[in-house]
Each structure stands twice: as C-alpha cells, then as structure tokens.
Amino acid sequence: MNPALKSVTTKAIVSALGADGFVWTRSKGSHRVYRHADGRRVVVAFHRPGATFPPKTLAAMIAAAGWQEEDLRRLGLLRS
C-alpha cells in the first residue's frame, strides 16, 4: 500500500467514486453500495465522513473500483 493513501477519508472515497461515475444505489446499516454503469460495485463502510480506512479495507475498495495509480492521481486520492 502506498504511504500517501494512509489518510484517505470516507468523504474523499465517496467523492472520488462520484467523480468516476459511481452512484449510491442502496445501503444496509452503515454500508453503502455504489455501482458503476459498467457493472463495478464498491461497498463503503460509512461511519463518519472524516474517518479513515484500515489499509486492507482501502485496498479492497480500490481493487473493487478497478482503479490503478493513474486513476488515484486523477481523482485526487494520491499526492503527486
């Protein structure tokens, strides 16, 4: 995991998902499900907007979104 990703907040992930074309489709408890028109699905544990994610949880969300390093830079999740 890239050290620059350690402080990604819930608010930042949700904003990046929206910017990349994901829409919030449903929720169950504190988990929100975001879907993309091409079929990708990302589940975000939304407890507080300012909360940060553990590294493995963040890596799983990034993998589910199909993002690579250039996508993370484009979406503002990775510092240059």
PDB file of N, CA and C in Angstrom:
ATOM      1  N   MET A   1       0.855  -1.186   0.000  1.00  0.00           N
ATOM      2  CA  MET A   1       0.000   0.000   0.000  1.00  0.00           C
ATOM      3  C   MET A   1       0.888   1.233   0.000  1.00  0.00           C
ATOM      4  N   ASN A   2       0.537   2.169  -0.821  1.00  0.00           N
ATOM      5  CA  ASN A   2       1.269   3.417  -0.939  1.00  0.00           C
ATOM      6  C   ASN A   2       1.071   4.248   0.328  1.00  0.00           C
ATOM      7  N   PRO A   3       2.171   4.768   0.908  1.00  0.00           N
ATOM      8  CA  PRO A   3       2.032   5.564   2.139  1.00  0.00           C
ATOM      9  C   PRO A   3       1.156   6.803   1.981  1.00  0.00           C
ATOM     10  N   ALA A   4       1.043   7.335   0.777  1.00  0.00           N
ATOM     11  CA  ALA A   4       0.229   8.527   0.556  1.00  0.00           C
ATOM     12  C   ALA A   4      -1.266   8.226   0.703  1.00  0.00           C
ATOM     13  N   LEU A   5      -1.641   6.967   0.696  1.00  0.00           N
ATOM     14  CA  LEU A   5      -3.043   6.583   0.815  1.00  0.00           C
ATOM     15  C   LEU A   5      -3.491   6.345   2.248  1.00  0.00           C
ATOM     16  N   LYS A   6      -2.597   6.458   3.206  1.00  0.00           N
ATOM     17  CA  LYS A   6      -2.939   6.129   4.582  1.00  0.00           C
ATOM     18  C   LYS A   6      -4.014   7.015   5.184  1.00  0.00           C
ATOM     19  N   SER A   7      -4.168   8.224   4.704  1.00  0.00           N
ATOM     20  CA  SER A   7      -5.112   9.148   5.333  1.00  0.00           C
ATOM     21  C   SER A   7      -6.307   9.468   4.436  1.00  0.00           C
ATOM     22  N   VAL A   8      -6.767   8.502   3.666  1.00  0.00           N
ATOM     23  CA  VAL A   8      -7.931   8.719   2.815  1.00  0.00           C
ATOM     24  C   VAL A   8      -9.195   8.595   3.664  1.00  0.00           C
ATOM     25  N   THR A   9     -10.019   9.624   3.627  1.00  0.00           N
ATOM     26  CA  THR A   9     -11.234   9.649   4.447  1.00  0.00           C
ATOM     27  C   THR A   9     -12.422   9.067   3.685  1.00  0.00           C
ATOM     28  N   THR A  10     -13.457   8.786   4.422  1.00  0.00           N
ATOM     29  CA  THR A  10     -14.699   8.303   3.825  1.00  0.00           C
ATOM     30  C   THR A  10     -15.236   9.323   2.822  1.00  0.00           C
ATOM     31  N   LYS A  11     -15.198  10.583   3.207  1.00  0.00           N
ATOM     32  CA  LYS A  11     -15.685  11.657   2.333  1.00  0.00           C
ATOM     33  C   LYS A  11     -14.903  11.698   1.020  1.00  0.00           C
ATOM     34  N   ALA A  12     -13.575  11.506   1.090  1.00  0.00           N
ATOM     35  CA  ALA A  12     -12.746  11.532  -0.116  1.00  0.00           C
ATOM     36  C   ALA A  12     -13.065  10.357  -1.035  1.00  0.00           C
ATOM     37  N   ILE A  13     -13.263   9.179  -0.466  1.00  0.00           N
ATOM     38  CA  ILE A  13     -13.590   7.995  -1.278  1.00  0.00           C
ATOM     39  C   ILE A  13     -14.941   8.182  -1.963  1.00  0.00           C
ATOM     40  N   VAL A  14     -15.930   8.656  -1.215  1.00  0.00           N
ATOM     41  CA  VAL A  14     -17.270   8.856  -1.775  1.00  0.00           C
ATOM     42  C   VAL A  14     -17.215   9.903  -2.896  1.00  0.00           C
ATOM     43  N   SER A  15     -16.463  10.965  -2.702  1.00  0.00           N
ATOM     44  CA  SER A  15     -16.323  11.998  -3.736  1.00  0.00           C
ATOM     45  C   SER A  15     -15.644  11.440  -4.976  1.00  0.00           C
ATOM     46  N   ALA A  16     -14.606  10.629  -4.774  1.00  0.00           N
ATOM     47  CA  ALA A  16     -13.883  10.031  -5.899  1.00  0.00           C
ATOM     48  C   ALA A  16     -14.768   9.051  -6.657  1.00  0.00           C
ATOM     49  N   LEU A  17     -15.563   8.282  -5.937  1.00  0.00           N
ATOM     50  CA  LEU A  17     -16.482   7.359  -6.598  1.00  0.00           C
ATOM     51  C   LEU A  17     -17.479   8.124  -7.458  1.00  0.00           C
ATOM     52  N   GLY A  18     -18.025   9.204  -6.927  1.00  0.00           N
ATOM     53  CA  GLY A  18     -18.964  10.026  -7.689  1.00  0.00           C
ATOM     54  C   GLY A  18     -18.322  10.635  -8.926  1.00  0.00           C
ATOM     55  N   ALA A  19     -17.080  11.102  -8.774  1.00  0.00           N
ATOM     56  CA  ALA A  19     -16.364  11.707  -9.901  1.00  0.00           C
ATOM     57  C   ALA A  19     -16.054  10.685 -10.986  1.00  0.00           C
ATOM     58  N   ASP A  20     -15.965   9.423 -10.601  1.00  0.00           N
ATOM     59  CA  ASP A  20     -15.639   8.367 -11.557  1.00  0.00           C
ATOM     60  C   ASP A  20     -16.888   7.693 -12.116  1.00  0.00           C
ATOM     61  N   GLY A  21     -18.066   8.197 -11.790  1.00  0.00           N
ATOM     62  CA  GLY A  21     -19.288   7.683 -12.386  1.00  0.00           C
ATOM     63  C   GLY A  21     -20.047   6.666 -11.554  1.00  0.00           C
ATOM     64  N   PHE A  22     -19.639   6.439 -10.314  1.00  0.00           N
ATOM     65  CA  PHE A  22     -20.367   5.528  -9.433  1.00  0.00           C
ATOM     66  C   PHE A  22     -21.542   6.275  -8.810  1.00  0.00           C
ATOM     67  N   VAL A  23     -22.633   5.560  -8.600  1.00  0.00           N
ATOM     68  CA  VAL A  23     -23.792   6.150  -7.938  1.00  0.00           C
ATOM     69  C   VAL A  23     -24.176   5.301  -6.734  1.00  0.00           C
ATOM     70  N   TRP A  24     -24.653   5.968  -5.701  1.00  0.00           N
ATOM     71  CA  TRP A  24     -25.082   5.295  -4.475  1.00  0.00           C
ATOM     72  C   TRP A  24     -26.418   4.634  -4.769  1.00  0.00           C
ATOM     73  N   THR A  25     -26.449   3.302  -4.708  1.00  0.00           N
ATOM     74  CA  THR A  25     -27.665   2.584  -5.079  1.00  0.00           C
ATOM     75  C   THR A  25     -28.477   2.121  -3.880  1.00  0.00           C
ATOM     76  N   ARG A  26     -27.808   1.745  -2.798  1.00  0.00           N
ATOM     77  CA  ARG A  26     -28.535   1.280  -1.627  1.00  0.00           C
ATOM     78  C   ARG A  26     -27.616   1.273  -0.422  1.00  0.00           C
ATOM     79  N   SER A  27     -28.197   1.050   0.740  1.00  0.00           N
ATOM     80  CA  SER A  27     -27.399   0.930   1.951  1.00  0.00           C
ATOM     81  C   SER A  27     -28.056  -0.053   2.895  1.00  0.00           C
ATOM     82  N   LYS A  28     -27.237  -0.624   3.757  1.00  0.00           N
ATOM     83  CA  LYS A  28     -27.728  -1.524   4.793  1.00  0.00           C
ATOM     84  C   LYS A  28     -26.881  -1.249   6.021  1.00  0.00           C
ATOM     85  N   GLY A  29     -27.513  -0.678   7.025  1.00  0.00           N
ATOM     86  CA  GLY A  29     -26.752  -0.269   8.200  1.00  0.00           C
ATOM     87  C   GLY A  29     -25.810   0.855   7.817  1.00  0.00           C
ATOM     88  N   SER A  30     -24.544   0.700   8.134  1.00  0.00           N
ATOM     89  CA  SER A  30     -23.561   1.739   7.816  1.00  0.00           C
ATOM     90  C   SER A  30     -22.831   1.469   6.502  1.00  0.00           C
ATOM     91  N   HIS A  31     -23.248   0.458   5.757  1.00  0.00           N
ATOM     92  CA  HIS A  31     -22.592   0.124   4.496  1.00  0.00           C
ATOM     93  C   HIS A  31     -23.382   0.668   3.322  1.00  0.00           C
ATOM     94  N   ARG A  32     -22.702   1.422   2.480  1.00  0.00           N
ATOM     95  CA  ARG A  32     -23.316   1.980   1.282  1.00  0.00           C
ATOM     96  C   ARG A  32     -22.767   1.251   0.064  1.00  0.00           C
ATOM     97  N   VAL A  33     -23.624   0.940  -0.873  1.00  0.00           N
ATOM     98  CA  VAL A  33     -23.221   0.248  -2.084  1.00  0.00           C
ATOM     99  C   VAL A  33     -23.265   1.243  -3.237  1.00  0.00           C
ATOM    100  N   TYR A  34     -22.140   1.374  -3.922  1.00  0.00           N
ATOM    101  CA  TYR A  34     -22.011   2.251  -5.081  1.00  0.00           C
ATOM    102  C   TYR A  34     -21.810   1.382  -6.312  1.00  0.00           C
ATOM    103  N   ARG A  35     -22.540   1.692  -7.384  1.00  0.00           N
ATOM    104  CA  ARG A  35     -22.430   0.933  -8.622  1.00  0.00           C
ATOM    105  C   ARG A  35     -22.070   1.854  -9.777  1.00  0.00           C
ATOM    106  N   HIS A  36     -21.345   1.266 -10.722  1.00  0.00           N
ATOM    107  CA  HIS A  36     -20.965   1.952 -11.941  1.00  0.00           C
ATOM    108  C   HIS A  36     -21.791   1.382 -13.082  1.00  0.00           C
ATOM    109  N   ALA A  37     -21.988   2.138 -14.134  1.00  0.00           N
ATOM    110  CA  ALA A  37     -22.789   1.693 -15.275  1.00  0.00           C
ATOM    111  C   ALA A  37     -22.203   0.443 -15.940  1.00  0.00           C
ATOM    112  N   ASP A  38     -20.898   0.232 -15.826  1.00  0.00           N
ATOM    113  CA  ASP A  38     -20.273  -0.946 -16.439  1.00  0.00           C
ATOM    114  C   ASP A  38     -20.323  -2.191 -15.545  1.00  0.00           C
ATOM    115  N   GLY A  39     -20.987  -2.092 -14.375  1.00  0.00           N
ATOM    116  CA  GLY A  39     -21.175  -3.261 -13.527  1.00  0.00           C
ATOM    117  C   GLY A  39     -20.298  -3.337 -12.287  1.00  0.00           C
ATOM    118  N   ARG A  40     -19.303  -2.468 -12.186  1.00  0.00           N
ATOM    119  CA  ARG A  40     -18.459  -2.496 -10.986  1.00  0.00           C
ATOM    120  C   ARG A  40     -19.269  -2.092  -9.771  1.00  0.00           C
ATOM    121  N   ARG A  41     -18.909  -2.659  -8.609  1.00  0.00           N
ATOM    122  CA  ARG A  41     -19.619  -2.389  -7.366  1.00  0.00           C
ATOM    123  C   ARG A  41     -18.608  -2.205  -6.247  1.00  0.00           C
ATOM    124  N   VAL A  42     -18.804  -1.162  -5.460  1.00  0.00           N
ATOM    125  CA  VAL A  42     -17.931  -0.883  -4.320  1.00  0.00           C
ATOM    126  C   VAL A  42     -18.805  -0.683  -3.092  1.00  0.00           C
ATOM    127  N   VAL A  43     -18.439  -1.355  -1.991  1.00  0.00           N
ATOM    128  CA  VAL A  43     -19.146  -1.203  -0.724  1.00  0.00           C
ATOM    129  C   VAL A  43     -18.274  -0.339   0.188  1.00  0.00           C
ATOM    130  N   VAL A  44     -18.855   0.738   0.712  1.00  0.00           N
ATOM    131  CA  VAL A  44     -18.139   1.665   1.584  1.00  0.00           C
ATOM    132  C   VAL A  44     -18.769   1.629   2.968  1.00  0.00           C
ATOM    133  N   ALA A  45     -17.962   1.370   3.983  1.00  0.00           N
ATOM    134  CA  ALA A  45     -18.434   1.433   5.373  1.00  0.00           C
ATOM    135  C   ALA A  45     -18.445   2.904   5.772  1.00  0.00           C
ATOM    136  N   PHE A  46     -19.628   3.481   5.845  1.00  0.00           N
ATOM    137  CA  PHE A  46     -19.779   4.914   6.078  1.00  0.00           C
ATOM    138  C   PHE A  46     -20.186   5.154   7.524  1.00  0.00           C
ATOM    139  N   HIS A  47     -19.206   5.324   8.405  1.00  0.00           N
ATOM    140  CA  HIS A  47     -19.478   5.592   9.813  1.00  0.00           C
ATOM    141  C   HIS A  47     -19.461   7.094  10.093  1.00  0.00           C
ATOM    142  N   ARG A  48     -18.377   7.743   9.672  1.00  0.00           N
ATOM    143  CA  ARG A  48     -18.233   9.203   9.802  1.00  0.00           C
ATOM    144  C   ARG A  48     -17.539   9.708   8.537  1.00  0.00           C
ATOM    145  N   PRO A  49     -17.902  10.881   8.032  1.00  0.00           N
ATOM    146  CA  PRO A  49     -17.252  11.407   6.823  1.00  0.00           C
ATOM    147  C   PRO A  49     -15.738  11.596   6.965  1.00  0.00           C
ATOM    148  N   GLY A  50     -15.272  11.901   8.177  1.00  0.00           N
ATOM    149  CA  GLY A  50     -13.849  12.145   8.386  1.00  0.00           C
ATOM    150  C   GLY A  50     -13.047  10.931   8.796  1.00  0.00           C
ATOM    151  N   ALA A  51     -13.701   9.775   8.909  1.00  0.00           N
ATOM    152  CA  ALA A  51     -12.999   8.556   9.333  1.00  0.00           C
ATOM    153  C   ALA A  51     -12.078   8.058   8.222  1.00  0.00           C
ATOM    154  N   THR A  52     -10.963   7.484   8.605  1.00  0.00           N
ATOM    155  CA  THR A  52     -10.049   6.882   7.632  1.00  0.00           C
ATOM    156  C   THR A  52     -10.214   5.369   7.676  1.00  0.00           C
ATOM    157  N   PHE A  53      -9.785   4.710   6.604  1.00  0.00           N
ATOM    158  CA  PHE A  53      -9.943   3.269   6.475  1.00  0.00           C
ATOM    159  C   PHE A  53      -8.664   2.529   6.815  1.00  0.00           C
ATOM    160  N   PRO A  54      -8.788   1.313   7.369  1.00  0.00           N
ATOM    161  CA  PRO A  54      -7.600   0.466   7.540  1.00  0.00           C
ATOM    162  C   PRO A  54      -7.029   0.146   6.153  1.00  0.00           C
ATOM    163  N   PRO A  55      -5.722  -0.092   6.053  1.00  0.00           N
ATOM    164  CA  PRO A  55      -5.089  -0.309   4.737  1.00  0.00           C
ATOM    165  C   PRO A  55      -5.731  -1.422   3.901  1.00  0.00           C
ATOM    166  N   LYS A  56      -6.077  -2.551   4.503  1.00  0.00           N
ATOM    167  CA  LYS A  56      -6.654  -3.647   3.728  1.00  0.00           C
ATOM    168  C   LYS A  56      -8.051  -3.309   3.213  1.00  0.00           C
ATOM    169  N   THR A  57      -8.828  -2.597   4.005  1.00  0.00           N
ATOM    170  CA  THR A  57     -10.166  -2.182   3.582  1.00  0.00           C
ATOM    171  C   THR A  57     -10.062  -1.207   2.415  1.00  0.00           C
ATOM    172  N   LEU A  58      -9.154  -0.263   2.520  1.00  0.00           N
ATOM    173  CA  LEU A  58      -8.945   0.713   1.455  1.00  0.00           C
ATOM    174  C   LEU A  58      -8.478   0.021   0.180  1.00  0.00           C
ATOM    175  N   ALA A  59      -7.548  -0.919   0.310  1.00  0.00           N
ATOM    176  CA  ALA A  59      -7.038  -1.655  -0.856  1.00  0.00           C
ATOM    177  C   ALA A  59      -8.165  -2.443  -1.530  1.00  0.00           C
ATOM    178  N   ALA A  60      -9.050  -3.030  -0.731  1.00  0.00           N
ATOM    179  CA  ALA A  60     -10.164  -3.796  -1.292  1.00  0.00           C
ATOM    180  C   ALA A  60     -11.129  -2.890  -2.060  1.00  0.00           C
ATOM    181  N   MET A  61     -11.396  -1.701  -1.535  1.00  0.00           N
ATOM    182  CA  MET A  61     -12.292  -0.769  -2.226  1.00  0.00           C
ATOM    183  C   MET A  61     -11.665  -0.280  -3.528  1.00  0.00           C
ATOM    184  N   ILE A  62     -10.376  -0.009  -3.500  1.00  0.00           N
ATOM    185  CA  ILE A  62      -9.679   0.444  -4.705  1.00  0.00           C
ATOM    186  C   ILE A  62      -9.686  -0.654  -5.760  1.00  0.00           C
ATOM    187  N   ALA A  63      -9.463  -1.888  -5.338  1.00  0.00           N
ATOM    188  CA  ALA A  63      -9.483  -3.018  -6.272  1.00  0.00           C
ATOM    189  C   ALA A  63     -10.888  -3.217  -6.852  1.00  0.00           C
ATOM    190  N   ALA A  64     -11.916  -3.100  -6.012  1.00  0.00           N
ATOM    191  CA  ALA A  64     -13.296  -3.267  -6.483  1.00  0.00           C
ATOM    192  C   ALA A  64     -13.666  -2.182  -7.491  1.00  0.00           C
ATOM    193  N   ALA A  65     -13.143  -0.983  -7.288  1.00  0.00           N
ATOM    194  CA  ALA A  65     -13.415   0.117  -8.220  1.00  0.00           C
ATOM    195  C   ALA A  65     -12.628  -0.042  -9.516  1.00  0.00           C
ATOM    196  N   GLY A  66     -11.600  -0.886  -9.492  1.00  0.00           N
ATOM    197  CA  GLY A  66     -10.779  -1.088 -10.688  1.00  0.00           C
ATOM    198  C   GLY A  66      -9.803   0.035 -10.941  1.00  0.00           C
ATOM    199  N   TRP A  67      -9.441   0.764  -9.894  1.00  0.00           N
ATOM    200  CA  TRP A  67      -8.553   1.909 -10.047  1.00  0.00           C
ATOM    201  C   TRP A  67      -7.094   1.493 -10.020  1.00  0.00           C
ATOM    202  N   GLN A  68      -6.324   2.131 -10.872  1.00  0.00           N
ATOM    203  CA  GLN A  68      -4.863   1.983 -10.902  1.00  0.00           C
ATOM    204  C   GLN A  68      -4.261   3.274 -10.358  1.00  0.00           C
ATOM    205  N   GLU A  69      -2.950   3.337 -10.306  1.00  0.00           N
ATOM    206  CA  GLU A  69      -2.275   4.507  -9.732  1.00  0.00           C
ATOM    207  C   GLU A  69      -2.645   5.799 -10.454  1.00  0.00           C
ATOM    208  N   GLU A  70      -2.728   5.760 -11.785  1.00  0.00           N
ATOM    209  CA  GLU A  70      -3.070   6.980 -12.535  1.00  0.00           C
ATOM    210  C   GLU A  70      -4.504   7.430 -12.224  1.00  0.00           C
ATOM    211  N   ASP A  71      -5.403   6.483 -11.976  1.00  0.00           N
ATOM    212  CA  ASP A  71      -6.770   6.845 -11.588  1.00  0.00           C
ATOM    213  C   ASP A  71      -6.786   7.515 -10.223  1.00  0.00           C
ATOM    214  N   LEU A  72      -6.002   7.001  -9.297  1.00  0.00           N
ATOM    215  CA  LEU A  72      -5.933   7.584  -7.961  1.00  0.00           C
ATOM    216  C   LEU A  72      -5.406   9.012  -8.015  1.00  0.00           C
ATOM    217  N   ARG A  73      -4.420   9.255  -8.879  1.00  0.00           N
ATOM    218  CA  ARG A  73      -3.895  10.632  -9.036  1.00  0.00           C
ATOM    219  C   ARG A  73      -4.967  11.532  -9.659  1.00  0.00           C
ATOM    220  N   ARG A  74      -5.640  11.053 -10.699  1.00  0.00           N
ATOM    221  CA  ARG A  74      -6.671  11.832 -11.390  1.00  0.00           C
ATOM    222  C   ARG A  74      -7.810  12.199 -10.446  1.00  0.00           C
ATOM    223  N   LEU A  75      -8.154  11.297  -9.534  1.00  0.00           N
ATOM    224  CA  LEU A  75      -9.260  11.524  -8.613  1.00  0.00           C
ATOM    225  C   LEU A  75      -8.842  12.276  -7.351  1.00  0.00           C
ATOM    226  N   GLY A  76      -7.564  12.570  -7.224  1.00  0.00           N
ATOM    227  CA  GLY A  76      -7.077  13.355  -6.093  1.00  0.00           C
ATOM    228  C   GLY A  76      -6.876  12.560  -4.811  1.00  0.00           C
ATOM    229  N   LEU A  77      -6.798  11.235  -4.919  1.00  0.00           N
ATOM    230  CA  LEU A  77      -6.597  10.395  -3.738  1.00  0.00           C
ATOM    231  C   LEU A  77      -5.122  10.167  -3.437  1.00  0.00           C
ATOM    232  N   LEU A  78      -4.283  10.418  -4.415  1.00  0.00           N
ATOM    233  CA  LEU A  78      -2.857  10.162  -4.276  1.00  0.00           C
ATOM    234  C   LEU A  78      -2.099  11.466  -4.481  1.00  0.00           C
ATOM    235  N   ARG A  79      -1.270  11.786  -3.517  1.00  0.00           N
ATOM    236  CA  ARG A  79      -0.465  13.019  -3.661  1.00  0.00           C
ATOM    237  C   ARG A  79       0.624  12.802  -4.699  1.00  0.00           C
ATOM    238  N   SER A  80       0.921  13.840  -5.443  1.00  0.00           N
ATOM    239  CA  SER A  80       1.929  13.749  -6.509  1.00  0.00           C
ATOM    240  C   SER A  80       3.327  13.568  -6.004  1.00  0.00           C
TER     241      SER A  80
END
